[in-house]
Amino acid sequence: MTDVAYAPRATVAQALLELRSISVRFGGVHALKDVSFDLAPGEVVGVIGPNGAGKTTLFDVISGVRPPTDGSISFAGRDVTGAGAVKRSRMGMRRTFQRSQPFGWLSVEDNILVALEAQGRGRFLADLVGLKGRQDAVRREHVAQILDRFGLTATKDVAAGRLPIGTIRMVELARAVIGQPSLLLLDEPTSGLDHTEAEILARAIADVREQDNCTVLLVEHDVPFVMATCDRVVALNLGSVLASGTPTEVRANPAVRDAYFG
């Protein structure tokens, strides 16, 4: 795919996300073993690794879906090791999933309005039952801006369940971004996308980072996409961090080449 230019961000004293010695055990199986790394504000970081490396488990732990067996997690300067997914979301962490999860019977616009309703910032239920007099003009304008940013204006009245996967990915990204997250977790965002759709997604991620000053952490099997899109790459293998560094450094690492590239 075509490279997307990203300027590396300067290292800052206060990391947005800090993982320290994270381990997850399922009986005698170590899904994650002593995983540690930081994310600086404004970074785009990719996590790669073969099947069974622990990528999904890592995302579950970061987002609060699963507690770690050992270790600690700090987000925005606060220890969130014991916090659930809802609390982390309210603190500014958002996640998309490999399996698309739109409200298929709702329009694109209403899918995005749901995110504002969840924050207590809208009157989505009133809109659904036709109480147009209660619509919030400011809220609608905000949604219109998001629709335009992600190329969704033309499909705003279409039921999400009728859309192709590439457009659904944009809907889910827009739905996450409208909540103004400080950390966006993207789980296999290119899954099901063709080359052109993946390039559109890469530009959207660049836009989110630049316009919203949002840190992005993504798990992805498409290694060329990761290498072109990310400032930094973390390679996992058998639940452990095999390497971490710039795309060039990770690509050249002999251990990564043996474990991942064969």
Protein backbone atom coordinates (compact mmCIF):
# COMPACT_ATOMS: atom_id res chain seq x y z
CA MET A 1 0.00 0.00 0.00
CA THR A 2 1.04 3.63 -0.41
CA ASP A 3 2.99 4.97 2.54
CA VAL A 4 1.21 7.53 4.68
CA ALA A 5 3.56 10.16 6.07
CA TYR A 6 3.63 10.39 9.85
CA ALA A 7 5.94 12.70 11.73
CA PRO A 8 7.33 10.98 14.87
CA ARG A 9 6.16 12.55 18.09
CA ALA A 10 8.62 13.76 20.69
CA THR A 11 8.99 11.68 23.81
CA VAL A 12 7.24 13.22 26.81
CA ALA A 13 7.76 12.66 30.51
CA GLN A 14 4.15 11.60 31.17
CA ALA A 15 2.97 8.62 29.15
CA LEU A 16 -0.72 8.39 28.36
CA LEU A 17 -0.78 4.61 28.83
CA GLU A 18 1.67 2.58 30.89
CA LEU A 19 1.70 -1.22 31.02
CA ARG A 20 3.91 -2.76 33.66
CA SER A 21 4.67 -6.50 33.79
CA ILE A 22 1.23 -7.52 32.49
CA SER A 23 0.59 -11.27 32.65
CA VAL A 24 -2.56 -13.24 31.94
CA ARG A 25 -2.87 -16.95 32.74
CA PHE A 26 -5.63 -19.35 31.76
CA GLY A 27 -4.89 -22.28 34.00
CA GLY A 28 -1.39 -23.34 33.06
CA VAL A 29 -1.38 -21.36 29.81
CA HIS A 30 0.33 -17.96 29.74
CA ALA A 31 -1.53 -15.81 27.23
CA LEU A 32 0.62 -12.80 28.21
CA LYS A 33 3.93 -12.88 30.05
CA ASP A 34 5.47 -9.80 31.64
CA VAL A 35 4.39 -7.35 28.93
CA SER A 36 5.54 -3.77 29.48
CA PHE A 37 5.42 -0.71 27.22
CA ASP A 38 4.23 2.91 27.20
CA LEU A 39 2.25 5.06 24.78
CA ALA A 40 3.05 8.75 24.51
CA PRO A 41 0.30 11.27 23.72
CA GLY A 42 -0.24 11.56 19.97
CA GLU A 43 1.55 8.34 19.00
CA VAL A 44 0.24 5.77 16.54
CA VAL A 45 1.51 2.37 17.67
CA GLY A 46 0.90 -1.02 16.08
CA VAL A 47 0.95 -4.45 17.70
CA ILE A 48 1.82 -7.38 15.46
CA GLY A 49 2.41 -11.07 16.00
CA PRO A 50 1.42 -14.50 14.69
CA ASN A 51 -1.84 -16.18 15.68
CA GLY A 52 -1.78 -17.04 19.37
CA ALA A 53 0.74 -14.30 20.19
CA GLY A 54 -1.63 -12.68 22.71
CA LYS A 55 -2.74 -9.63 20.74
CA THR A 56 -6.48 -9.88 21.45
CA THR A 57 -5.86 -10.72 25.10
CA LEU A 58 -3.65 -7.64 25.36
CA PHE A 59 -6.42 -5.45 23.95
CA ASP A 60 -8.96 -7.01 26.33
CA VAL A 61 -6.69 -6.16 29.27
CA ILE A 62 -6.02 -2.59 28.12
CA SER A 63 -9.71 -1.85 27.47
CA GLY A 64 -10.87 -3.34 30.78
CA VAL A 65 -12.70 -6.34 29.35
CA ARG A 66 -10.35 -8.74 31.15
CA PRO A 67 -8.29 -8.11 34.32
CA PRO A 68 -4.63 -9.07 34.26
CA THR A 69 -3.43 -11.91 36.45
CA ASP A 70 -0.39 -9.83 37.38
CA GLY A 71 0.91 -6.36 36.61
CA SER A 72 -0.51 -2.85 36.51
CA ILE A 73 -2.03 -0.40 34.02
CA SER A 74 -1.94 3.39 34.25
CA PHE A 75 -4.06 5.58 31.98
CA ALA A 76 -3.94 9.38 31.94
CA GLY A 77 -1.88 9.32 35.13
CA ARG A 78 -4.31 7.10 37.07
CA ASP A 79 -4.04 3.45 38.04
CA VAL A 80 -6.88 1.68 36.20
CA THR A 81 -5.77 -1.91 36.79
CA GLY A 82 -9.01 -2.73 38.60
CA ALA A 83 -11.27 -0.45 36.54
CA GLY A 84 -13.81 -1.92 34.14
CA ALA A 85 -14.42 -1.08 30.48
CA VAL A 86 -17.15 1.48 31.20
CA LYS A 87 -14.98 3.52 33.55
CA ARG A 88 -12.08 3.49 31.13
CA SER A 89 -14.39 4.58 28.33
CA ARG A 90 -15.60 7.50 30.41
CA MET A 91 -11.97 8.46 31.02
CA GLY A 92 -11.39 8.77 27.28
CA MET A 93 -10.55 5.28 26.03
CA ARG A 94 -12.49 3.90 23.03
CA ARG A 95 -12.24 0.57 21.22
CA THR A 96 -13.41 -0.88 17.93
CA PHE A 97 -13.56 -4.63 17.31
CA GLN A 98 -12.41 -6.96 14.55
CA ARG A 99 -15.99 -8.09 14.05
CA SER A 100 -17.97 -5.04 13.00
CA GLN A 101 -20.70 -4.11 15.48
CA PRO A 102 -22.95 -1.38 14.05
CA PHE A 103 -26.62 -1.09 14.95
CA GLY A 104 -27.66 -2.52 11.61
CA TRP A 105 -31.28 -1.33 11.72
CA LEU A 106 -30.29 2.28 12.46
CA SER A 107 -29.10 4.84 9.95
CA VAL A 108 -25.45 5.87 9.80
CA GLU A 109 -26.34 9.18 11.44
CA ASP A 110 -28.23 7.49 14.27
CA ASN A 111 -25.36 5.05 14.85
CA ILE A 112 -23.15 8.04 15.60
CA LEU A 113 -25.82 9.78 17.69
CA VAL A 114 -25.88 6.70 19.92
CA ALA A 115 -22.36 7.56 21.09
CA LEU A 116 -23.51 10.99 22.27
CA GLU A 117 -26.54 9.49 23.99
CA ALA A 118 -24.26 7.11 25.90
CA GLN A 119 -22.42 10.15 27.26
CA GLY A 120 -25.66 11.79 28.34
CA ARG A 121 -25.15 14.54 25.78
CA GLY A 122 -28.11 13.87 23.52
CA ARG A 123 -31.81 13.15 23.21
CA PHE A 124 -31.47 10.22 20.88
CA LEU A 125 -34.53 8.38 22.21
CA ALA A 126 -36.65 11.47 21.68
CA ASP A 127 -35.39 11.67 18.11
CA LEU A 128 -36.32 8.06 17.46
CA VAL A 129 -39.94 8.53 18.49
CA GLY A 130 -40.26 11.66 16.37
CA LEU A 131 -40.07 14.43 18.95
CA LYS A 132 -38.23 16.69 16.52
CA GLY A 133 -38.81 19.74 18.67
CA ARG A 134 -36.33 18.35 21.18
CA GLN A 135 -33.47 17.88 18.75
CA ASP A 136 -30.31 19.57 19.83
CA ALA A 137 -29.06 21.76 16.97
CA VAL A 138 -25.52 21.87 18.30
CA ARG A 139 -25.41 18.09 18.64
CA ARG A 140 -26.72 17.63 15.09
CA GLU A 141 -24.12 20.01 13.72
CA HIS A 142 -21.37 18.13 15.54
CA VAL A 143 -22.58 14.86 14.00
CA ALA A 144 -22.75 16.50 10.57
CA GLN A 145 -19.11 17.55 10.89
CA ILE A 146 -18.07 14.01 11.83
CA LEU A 147 -20.05 12.57 8.91
CA ASP A 148 -18.26 14.93 6.56
CA ARG A 149 -14.81 14.16 8.01
CA PHE A 150 -15.23 10.44 7.42
CA GLY A 151 -16.94 10.63 4.04
CA LEU A 152 -20.31 9.47 5.36
CA THR A 153 -22.58 12.38 4.50
CA ALA A 154 -23.99 10.74 1.38
CA THR A 155 -24.94 7.59 3.32
CA LYS A 156 -26.11 9.22 6.55
CA ASP A 157 -29.73 8.07 6.08
CA VAL A 158 -28.84 4.51 4.99
CA ALA A 159 -29.31 1.63 7.45
CA ALA A 160 -25.84 0.56 8.59
CA GLY A 161 -26.66 -3.10 8.01
CA ARG A 162 -26.96 -2.43 4.27
CA LEU A 163 -23.48 -0.94 3.91
CA PRO A 164 -20.29 -2.61 2.63
CA ILE A 165 -17.64 -3.48 5.20
CA GLY A 166 -15.37 -0.58 4.23
CA THR A 167 -18.09 1.97 4.97
CA ILE A 168 -19.05 0.19 8.19
CA ARG A 169 -15.43 0.52 9.37
CA MET A 170 -15.70 4.28 8.81
CA VAL A 171 -18.99 4.38 10.73
CA GLU A 172 -17.41 2.61 13.70
CA LEU A 173 -14.38 4.89 13.60
CA ALA A 174 -16.60 7.99 13.46
CA ARG A 175 -18.71 6.65 16.32
CA ALA A 176 -15.59 6.23 18.45
CA VAL A 177 -14.08 9.60 17.56
CA ILE A 178 -17.20 11.67 18.24
CA GLY A 179 -16.70 10.88 21.92
CA GLN A 180 -13.37 12.78 21.73
CA PRO A 181 -11.18 9.97 23.08
CA SER A 182 -7.61 10.48 24.13
CA LEU A 183 -6.82 6.82 23.32
CA LEU A 184 -8.33 4.87 20.44
CA LEU A 185 -7.89 1.09 20.31
CA LEU A 186 -8.41 -0.41 16.84
CA ASP A 187 -8.73 -4.21 16.73
CA GLU A 188 -7.84 -5.55 13.25
CA PRO A 189 -9.18 -2.41 11.52
CA THR A 190 -8.29 -3.59 7.99
CA SER A 191 -10.03 -6.96 8.35
CA GLY A 192 -12.22 -7.45 5.28
CA LEU A 193 -10.93 -4.32 3.52
CA ASP A 194 -9.42 -4.19 0.06
CA HIS A 195 -6.29 -2.20 -0.82
CA THR A 196 -8.13 1.04 -1.58
CA GLU A 197 -10.29 0.83 1.56
CA ALA A 198 -7.18 0.21 3.68
CA GLU A 199 -5.57 3.36 2.27
CA ILE A 200 -8.70 5.37 3.09
CA LEU A 201 -8.57 3.99 6.63
CA ALA A 202 -4.90 4.96 6.96
CA ARG A 203 -5.74 8.54 6.00
CA ALA A 204 -8.61 8.55 8.50
CA ILE A 205 -6.25 7.44 11.28
CA ALA A 206 -3.86 10.24 10.33
CA ASP A 207 -6.76 12.68 10.51
CA VAL A 208 -7.80 11.44 13.96
CA ARG A 209 -4.28 11.79 15.29
CA GLU A 210 -3.75 15.25 13.86
CA GLN A 211 -7.16 16.88 14.39
CA ASP A 212 -8.07 15.27 17.71
CA ASN A 213 -4.56 14.82 19.16
CA CYS A 214 -5.63 11.25 19.82
CA THR A 215 -3.23 8.42 20.59
CA VAL A 216 -3.94 5.31 18.52
CA LEU A 217 -3.03 1.71 19.37
CA LEU A 218 -3.91 -0.88 16.75
CA VAL A 219 -3.64 -4.65 16.50
CA GLU A 220 -3.24 -5.76 12.91
CA HIS A 221 -2.27 -8.76 10.76
CA ASP A 222 -1.58 -6.56 7.72
CA VAL A 223 2.10 -5.91 8.36
CA PRO A 224 2.63 -3.49 5.41
CA PHE A 225 -0.30 -1.41 6.74
CA VAL A 226 1.28 -1.29 10.21
CA MET A 227 4.71 -0.41 8.89
CA ALA A 228 3.31 2.42 6.76
CA THR A 229 0.90 3.78 9.35
CA CYS A 230 2.61 3.57 12.74
CA ASP A 231 5.31 5.57 14.50
CA ARG A 232 6.27 2.54 16.55
CA VAL A 233 5.64 -1.21 16.45
CA VAL A 234 5.44 -3.77 19.26
CA ALA A 235 5.94 -7.37 18.17
CA LEU A 236 4.48 -10.14 20.34
CA ASN A 237 5.24 -13.84 20.24
CA LEU A 238 3.86 -16.50 22.59
CA GLY A 239 2.58 -13.78 24.94
CA SER A 240 5.86 -11.89 25.31
CA VAL A 241 7.26 -8.72 23.77
CA LEU A 242 9.73 -9.88 21.16
CA ALA A 243 10.74 -6.42 19.96
CA SER A 244 9.67 -2.79 20.13
CA GLY A 245 10.85 0.13 18.05
CA THR A 246 10.35 2.02 14.82
CA PRO A 247 8.93 0.09 11.87
CA THR A 248 12.41 -0.05 10.33
CA GLU A 249 13.95 -1.41 13.54
CA VAL A 250 11.28 -4.05 14.06
CA ARG A 251 11.32 -5.15 10.43
CA ALA A 252 15.09 -5.67 10.63
CA ASN A 253 15.04 -7.49 13.99
CA PRO A 254 16.25 -11.10 13.45
CA ALA A 255 13.96 -12.52 16.18
CA VAL A 256 10.92 -10.87 14.58
CA ARG A 257 11.90 -12.13 11.14
CA ASP A 258 12.21 -15.68 12.46
CA ALA A 259 9.00 -15.67 14.52
CA TYR A 260 6.68 -13.63 12.33
CA PHE A 261 8.01 -13.35 8.79
CA GLY A 262 9.41 -16.89 8.64
